[in-house]
Structures are given as structure tokens and as C-alpha cells.
Amino acid sequence: MNFVQILTALALVGGLAVLNGWIYVKNKKTPLPEGCEPFRESCSNCPAEEDCVLKKVERSVKQ
């Protein structure tokens, strides 16, 4: 391999690393959609637990 090929490969890898970092930062700044809260085991933030799909699935699996 000659010097130009090595520099081209390094530039390509470096460019991909910079692109990956830029996309990661932009993704972190994106706000979560309305109603997309992190899952909690107790479902304490659920206003109507009887309508909760997760609770229904848990009950059907236990039976």
C-alpha cells in the first residue's frame, strides 16, 4: 500500500467517526414524543391501571 491509499483510508474512517458522533449528539437532543415515558415496574405513572396493556399481558401469562 502506498502513502495515498493509507491517507485515504484514514480520512474515510475519520469522516465516518465524525459523522457517527454528530448523529449521536443530534439524536440525544431530539425530544421524546408526547406520552413516551420510561417503563416503570410499578406503572405508578399510569392513570388507569385497569386499561394498561402491560398489566393485561402479565395477567394472561400468569394464568
PDB file of N, CA and C in Angstrom:
ATOM      1  N   MET A   1       0.852  -1.191   0.000  1.00  0.00           N
ATOM      2  CA  MET A   1       0.000   0.000   0.000  1.00  0.00           C
ATOM      3  C   MET A   1       0.883   1.234   0.000  1.00  0.00           C
ATOM      4  N   ASN A   2       0.465   2.163  -0.793  1.00  0.00           N
ATOM      5  CA  ASN A   2       1.248   3.382  -0.811  1.00  0.00           C
ATOM      6  C   ASN A   2       0.664   4.421   0.147  1.00  0.00           C
ATOM      7  N   PHE A   3       1.345   5.514   0.272  1.00  0.00           N
ATOM      8  CA  PHE A   3       1.015   6.558   1.235  1.00  0.00           C
ATOM      9  C   PHE A   3      -0.363   7.183   0.967  1.00  0.00           C
ATOM     10  N   VAL A   4      -0.729   7.359  -0.277  1.00  0.00           N
ATOM     11  CA  VAL A   4      -2.017   7.973  -0.638  1.00  0.00           C
ATOM     12  C   VAL A   4      -3.178   7.069  -0.223  1.00  0.00           C
ATOM     13  N   GLN A   5      -3.043   5.777  -0.411  1.00  0.00           N
ATOM     14  CA  GLN A   5      -4.093   4.843  -0.017  1.00  0.00           C
ATOM     15  C   GLN A   5      -4.280   4.832   1.501  1.00  0.00           C
ATOM     16  N   ILE A   6      -3.189   4.906   2.238  1.00  0.00           N
ATOM     17  CA  ILE A   6      -3.277   4.927   3.696  1.00  0.00           C
ATOM     18  C   ILE A   6      -3.973   6.201   4.162  1.00  0.00           C
ATOM     19  N   LEU A   7      -3.607   7.337   3.599  1.00  0.00           N
ATOM     20  CA  LEU A   7      -4.252   8.601   3.968  1.00  0.00           C
ATOM     21  C   LEU A   7      -5.735   8.604   3.590  1.00  0.00           C
ATOM     22  N   THR A   8      -6.069   8.036   2.461  1.00  0.00           N
ATOM     23  CA  THR A   8      -7.469   7.952   2.047  1.00  0.00           C
ATOM     24  C   THR A   8      -8.263   7.085   3.015  1.00  0.00           C
ATOM     25  N   ALA A   9      -7.706   5.969   3.403  1.00  0.00           N
ATOM     26  CA  ALA A   9      -8.386   5.080   4.350  1.00  0.00           C
ATOM     27  C   ALA A   9      -8.556   5.765   5.704  1.00  0.00           C
ATOM     28  N   LEU A  10      -7.532   6.460   6.186  1.00  0.00           N
ATOM     29  CA  LEU A  10      -7.624   7.180   7.454  1.00  0.00           C
ATOM     30  C   LEU A  10      -8.650   8.311   7.383  1.00  0.00           C
ATOM     31  N   ALA A  11      -8.686   9.025   6.276  1.00  0.00           N
ATOM     32  CA  ALA A  11      -9.663  10.103   6.106  1.00  0.00           C
ATOM     33  C   ALA A  11     -11.084   9.545   6.084  1.00  0.00           C
ATOM     34  N   LEU A  12     -11.272   8.423   5.432  1.00  0.00           N
ATOM     35  CA  LEU A  12     -12.593   7.798   5.372  1.00  0.00           C
ATOM     36  C   LEU A  12     -13.034   7.335   6.758  1.00  0.00           C
ATOM     37  N   VAL A  13     -12.171   6.670   7.483  1.00  0.00           N
ATOM     38  CA  VAL A  13     -12.508   6.202   8.831  1.00  0.00           C
ATOM     39  C   VAL A  13     -12.756   7.392   9.749  1.00  0.00           C
ATOM     40  N   GLY A  14     -11.926   8.411   9.666  1.00  0.00           N
ATOM     41  CA  GLY A  14     -12.112   9.613  10.476  1.00  0.00           C
ATOM     42  C   GLY A  14     -13.416  10.313  10.154  1.00  0.00           C
ATOM     43  N   GLY A  15     -13.744  10.407   8.886  1.00  0.00           N
ATOM     44  CA  GLY A  15     -15.007  11.028   8.481  1.00  0.00           C
ATOM     45  C   GLY A  15     -16.211  10.261   8.992  1.00  0.00           C
ATOM     46  N   LEU A  16     -16.138   8.941   8.941  1.00  0.00           N
ATOM     47  CA  LEU A  16     -17.237   8.127   9.467  1.00  0.00           C
ATOM     48  C   LEU A  16     -17.368   8.281  10.978  1.00  0.00           C
ATOM     49  N   ALA A  17     -16.241   8.401  11.685  1.00  0.00           N
ATOM     50  CA  ALA A  17     -16.283   8.596  13.136  1.00  0.00           C
ATOM     51  C   ALA A  17     -16.906   9.947  13.474  1.00  0.00           C
ATOM     52  N   VAL A  18     -16.548  10.983  12.746  1.00  0.00           N
ATOM     53  CA  VAL A  18     -17.126  12.312  12.969  1.00  0.00           C
ATOM     54  C   VAL A  18     -18.619  12.302  12.654  1.00  0.00           C
ATOM     55  N   LEU A  19     -19.008  11.662  11.573  1.00  0.00           N
ATOM     56  CA  LEU A  19     -20.421  11.566  11.218  1.00  0.00           C
ATOM     57  C   LEU A  19     -21.199  10.824  12.291  1.00  0.00           C
ATOM     58  N   ASN A  20     -20.652   9.738  12.802  1.00  0.00           N
ATOM     59  CA  ASN A  20     -21.300   8.977  13.860  1.00  0.00           C
ATOM     60  C   ASN A  20     -21.471   9.832  15.117  1.00  0.00           C
ATOM     61  N   GLY A  21     -20.454  10.576  15.499  1.00  0.00           N
ATOM     62  CA  GLY A  21     -20.543  11.452  16.657  1.00  0.00           C
ATOM     63  C   GLY A  21     -21.578  12.542  16.478  1.00  0.00           C
ATOM     64  N   TRP A  22     -21.627  13.130  15.315  1.00  0.00           N
ATOM     65  CA  TRP A  22     -22.594  14.195  15.033  1.00  0.00           C
ATOM     66  C   TRP A  22     -24.023  13.654  15.092  1.00  0.00           C
ATOM     67  N   ILE A  23     -24.252  12.497  14.520  1.00  0.00           N
ATOM     68  CA  ILE A  23     -25.588  11.887  14.553  1.00  0.00           C
ATOM     69  C   ILE A  23     -25.967  11.525  15.984  1.00  0.00           C
ATOM     70  N   TYR A  24     -25.027  11.024  16.777  1.00  0.00           N
ATOM     71  CA  TYR A  24     -25.294  10.675  18.176  1.00  0.00           C
ATOM     72  C   TYR A  24     -25.726  11.906  18.967  1.00  0.00           C
ATOM     73  N   VAL A  25     -25.021  13.018  18.792  1.00  0.00           N
ATOM     74  CA  VAL A  25     -25.356  14.250  19.513  1.00  0.00           C
ATOM     75  C   VAL A  25     -26.727  14.760  19.087  1.00  0.00           C
ATOM     76  N   LYS A  26     -26.997  14.758  17.804  1.00  0.00           N
ATOM     77  CA  LYS A  26     -28.307  15.221  17.313  1.00  0.00           C
ATOM     78  C   LYS A  26     -29.434  14.336  17.832  1.00  0.00           C
ATOM     79  N   ASN A  27     -29.210  13.031  17.930  1.00  0.00           N
ATOM     80  CA  ASN A  27     -30.226  12.112  18.423  1.00  0.00           C
ATOM     81  C   ASN A  27     -30.496  12.350  19.901  1.00  0.00           C
ATOM     82  N   LYS A  28     -29.464  12.653  20.680  1.00  0.00           N
ATOM     83  CA  LYS A  28     -29.641  12.911  22.105  1.00  0.00           C
ATOM     84  C   LYS A  28     -30.450  14.190  22.351  1.00  0.00           C
ATOM     85  N   LYS A  29     -30.367  15.164  21.441  1.00  0.00           N
ATOM     86  CA  LYS A  29     -31.078  16.425  21.604  1.00  0.00           C
ATOM     87  C   LYS A  29     -32.534  16.342  21.131  1.00  0.00           C
ATOM     88  N   THR A  30     -32.910  15.258  20.480  1.00  0.00           N
ATOM     89  CA  THR A  30     -34.269  15.093  19.986  1.00  0.00           C
ATOM     90  C   THR A  30     -35.207  14.841  21.163  1.00  0.00           C
ATOM     91  N   PRO A  31     -36.279  15.638  21.294  1.00  0.00           N
ATOM     92  CA  PRO A  31     -37.192  15.424  22.421  1.00  0.00           C
ATOM     93  C   PRO A  31     -38.010  14.147  22.236  1.00  0.00           C
ATOM     94  N   LEU A  32     -38.379  13.542  23.367  1.00  0.00           N
ATOM     95  CA  LEU A  32     -39.226  12.352  23.322  1.00  0.00           C
ATOM     96  C   LEU A  32     -40.644  12.741  22.917  1.00  0.00           C
ATOM     97  N   PRO A  33     -41.345  11.899  22.180  1.00  0.00           N
ATOM     98  CA  PRO A  33     -42.725  12.191  21.811  1.00  0.00           C
ATOM     99  C   PRO A  33     -43.632  12.234  23.042  1.00  0.00           C
ATOM    100  N   GLU A  34     -44.749  12.904  22.914  1.00  0.00           N
ATOM    101  CA  GLU A  34     -45.731  13.014  23.990  1.00  0.00           C
ATOM    102  C   GLU A  34     -46.207  11.620  24.402  1.00  0.00           C
ATOM    103  N   GLY A  35     -46.200  11.347  25.685  1.00  0.00           N
ATOM    104  CA  GLY A  35     -46.682  10.070  26.188  1.00  0.00           C
ATOM    105  C   GLY A  35     -45.665   8.954  26.170  1.00  0.00           C
ATOM    106  N   CYS A  36     -44.418   9.270  25.881  1.00  0.00           N
ATOM    107  CA  CYS A  36     -43.383   8.240  25.818  1.00  0.00           C
ATOM    108  C   CYS A  36     -42.526   8.327  27.079  1.00  0.00           C
ATOM    109  N   GLU A  37     -43.040   7.804  28.167  1.00  0.00           N
ATOM    110  CA  GLU A  37     -42.308   7.811  29.425  1.00  0.00           C
ATOM    111  C   GLU A  37     -41.545   6.502  29.564  1.00  0.00           C
ATOM    112  N   PRO A  38     -40.469   6.523  30.311  1.00  0.00           N
ATOM    113  CA  PRO A  38     -39.748   5.263  30.522  1.00  0.00           C
ATOM    114  C   PRO A  38     -40.602   4.265  31.306  1.00  0.00           C
ATOM    115  N   PHE A  39     -40.460   3.003  30.979  1.00  0.00           N
ATOM    116  CA  PHE A  39     -41.236   1.952  31.627  1.00  0.00           C
ATOM    117  C   PHE A  39     -40.805   1.813  33.075  1.00  0.00           C
ATOM    118  N   ARG A  40     -41.780   1.767  33.961  1.00  0.00           N
ATOM    119  CA  ARG A  40     -41.507   1.541  35.379  1.00  0.00           C
ATOM    120  C   ARG A  40     -42.214   0.247  35.784  1.00  0.00           C
ATOM    121  N   GLU A  41     -41.566  -0.518  36.618  1.00  0.00           N
ATOM    122  CA  GLU A  41     -42.113  -1.809  37.024  1.00  0.00           C
ATOM    123  C   GLU A  41     -43.460  -1.659  37.719  1.00  0.00           C
ATOM    124  N   SER A  42     -43.614  -0.604  38.513  1.00  0.00           N
ATOM    125  CA  SER A  42     -44.849  -0.444  39.269  1.00  0.00           C
ATOM    126  C   SER A  42     -45.958   0.237  38.471  1.00  0.00           C
ATOM    127  N   CYS A  43     -45.651   0.806  37.318  1.00  0.00           N
ATOM    128  CA  CYS A  43     -46.617   1.543  36.493  1.00  0.00           C
ATOM    129  C   CYS A  43     -47.292   2.656  37.305  1.00  0.00           C
ATOM    130  N   SER A  44     -46.554   3.316  38.151  1.00  0.00           N
ATOM    131  CA  SER A  44     -47.133   4.345  39.011  1.00  0.00           C
ATOM    132  C   SER A  44     -47.596   5.569  38.227  1.00  0.00           C
ATOM    133  N   ASN A  45     -47.076   5.787  37.025  1.00  0.00           N
ATOM    134  CA  ASN A  45     -47.485   6.946  36.248  1.00  0.00           C
ATOM    135  C   ASN A  45     -48.677   6.656  35.337  1.00  0.00           C
ATOM    136  N   CYS A  46     -49.233   5.458  35.404  1.00  0.00           N
ATOM    137  CA  CYS A  46     -50.364   5.088  34.561  1.00  0.00           C
ATOM    138  C   CYS A  46     -51.666   5.557  35.220  1.00  0.00           C
ATOM    139  N   PRO A  47     -52.461   6.410  34.534  1.00  0.00           N
ATOM    140  CA  PRO A  47     -53.676   6.920  35.161  1.00  0.00           C
ATOM    141  C   PRO A  47     -54.776   5.865  35.332  1.00  0.00           C
ATOM    142  N   ALA A  48     -54.829   4.895  34.469  1.00  0.00           N
ATOM    143  CA  ALA A  48     -55.882   3.879  34.546  1.00  0.00           C
ATOM    144  C   ALA A  48     -55.240   2.502  34.441  1.00  0.00           C
ATOM    145  N   GLU A  49     -54.901   1.920  35.581  1.00  0.00           N
ATOM    146  CA  GLU A  49     -54.183   0.640  35.566  1.00  0.00           C
ATOM    147  C   GLU A  49     -55.023  -0.499  35.003  1.00  0.00           C
ATOM    148  N   GLU A  50     -56.356  -0.405  35.105  1.00  0.00           N
ATOM    149  CA  GLU A  50     -57.184  -1.493  34.573  1.00  0.00           C
ATOM    150  C   GLU A  50     -57.160  -1.527  33.045  1.00  0.00           C
ATOM    151  N   ASP A  51     -56.806  -0.396  32.408  1.00  0.00           N
ATOM    152  CA  ASP A  51     -56.716  -0.357  30.955  1.00  0.00           C
ATOM    153  C   ASP A  51     -55.300  -0.596  30.449  1.00  0.00           C
ATOM    154  N   CYS A  52     -54.377  -0.820  31.344  1.00  0.00           N
ATOM    155  CA  CYS A  52     -52.971  -0.949  30.984  1.00  0.00           C
ATOM    156  C   CYS A  52     -52.738  -2.239  30.197  1.00  0.00           C
ATOM    157  N   VAL A  53     -52.189  -2.116  29.029  1.00  0.00           N
ATOM    158  CA  VAL A  53     -51.923  -3.275  28.178  1.00  0.00           C
ATOM    159  C   VAL A  53     -50.870  -4.167  28.814  1.00  0.00           C
ATOM    160  N   LEU A  54     -49.867  -3.565  29.456  1.00  0.00           N
ATOM    161  CA  LEU A  54     -48.818  -4.363  30.084  1.00  0.00           C
ATOM    162  C   LEU A  54     -49.374  -5.219  31.207  1.00  0.00           C
ATOM    163  N   LYS A  55     -50.280  -4.678  32.016  1.00  0.00           N
ATOM    164  CA  LYS A  55     -50.878  -5.451  33.106  1.00  0.00           C
ATOM    165  C   LYS A  55     -51.712  -6.602  32.561  1.00  0.00           C
ATOM    166  N   LYS A  56     -52.436  -6.364  31.466  1.00  0.00           N
ATOM    167  CA  LYS A  56     -53.261  -7.432  30.865  1.00  0.00           C
ATOM    168  C   LYS A  56     -52.379  -8.564  30.359  1.00  0.00           C
ATOM    169  N   VAL A  57     -51.256  -8.222  29.749  1.00  0.00           N
ATOM    170  CA  VAL A  57     -50.344  -9.241  29.249  1.00  0.00           C
ATOM    171  C   VAL A  57     -49.754 -10.044  30.404  1.00  0.00           C
ATOM    172  N   GLU A  58     -49.372  -9.343  31.498  1.00  0.00           N
ATOM    173  CA  GLU A  58     -48.828 -10.045  32.665  1.00  0.00           C
ATOM    174  C   GLU A  58     -49.849 -11.003  33.248  1.00  0.00           C
ATOM    175  N   ARG A  59     -51.117 -10.582  33.343  1.00  0.00           N
ATOM    176  CA  ARG A  59     -52.150 -11.442  33.904  1.00  0.00           C
ATOM    177  C   ARG A  59     -52.386 -12.659  33.037  1.00  0.00           C
ATOM    178  N   SER A  60     -52.394 -12.486  31.713  1.00  0.00           N
ATOM    179  CA  SER A  60     -52.657 -13.609  30.830  1.00  0.00           C
ATOM    180  C   SER A  60     -51.502 -14.612  30.832  1.00  0.00           C
ATOM    181  N   VAL A  61     -50.295 -14.138  31.029  1.00  0.00           N
ATOM    182  CA  VAL A  61     -49.135 -15.038  31.061  1.00  0.00           C
ATOM    183  C   VAL A  61     -49.139 -15.849  32.355  1.00  0.00           C
ATOM    184  N   LYS A  62     -49.548 -15.246  33.470  1.00  0.00           N
ATOM    185  CA  LYS A  62     -49.556 -15.932  34.762  1.00  0.00           C
ATOM    186  C   LYS A  62     -50.614 -17.023  34.818  1.00  0.00           C
ATOM    187  N   GLN A  63     -51.696 -16.895  34.064  1.00  0.00           N
ATOM    188  CA  GLN A  63     -52.787 -17.885  34.121  1.00  0.00           C
ATOM    189  C   GLN A  63     -52.493 -19.118  33.361  1.00  0.00           C
TER     190      GLN A  63
END
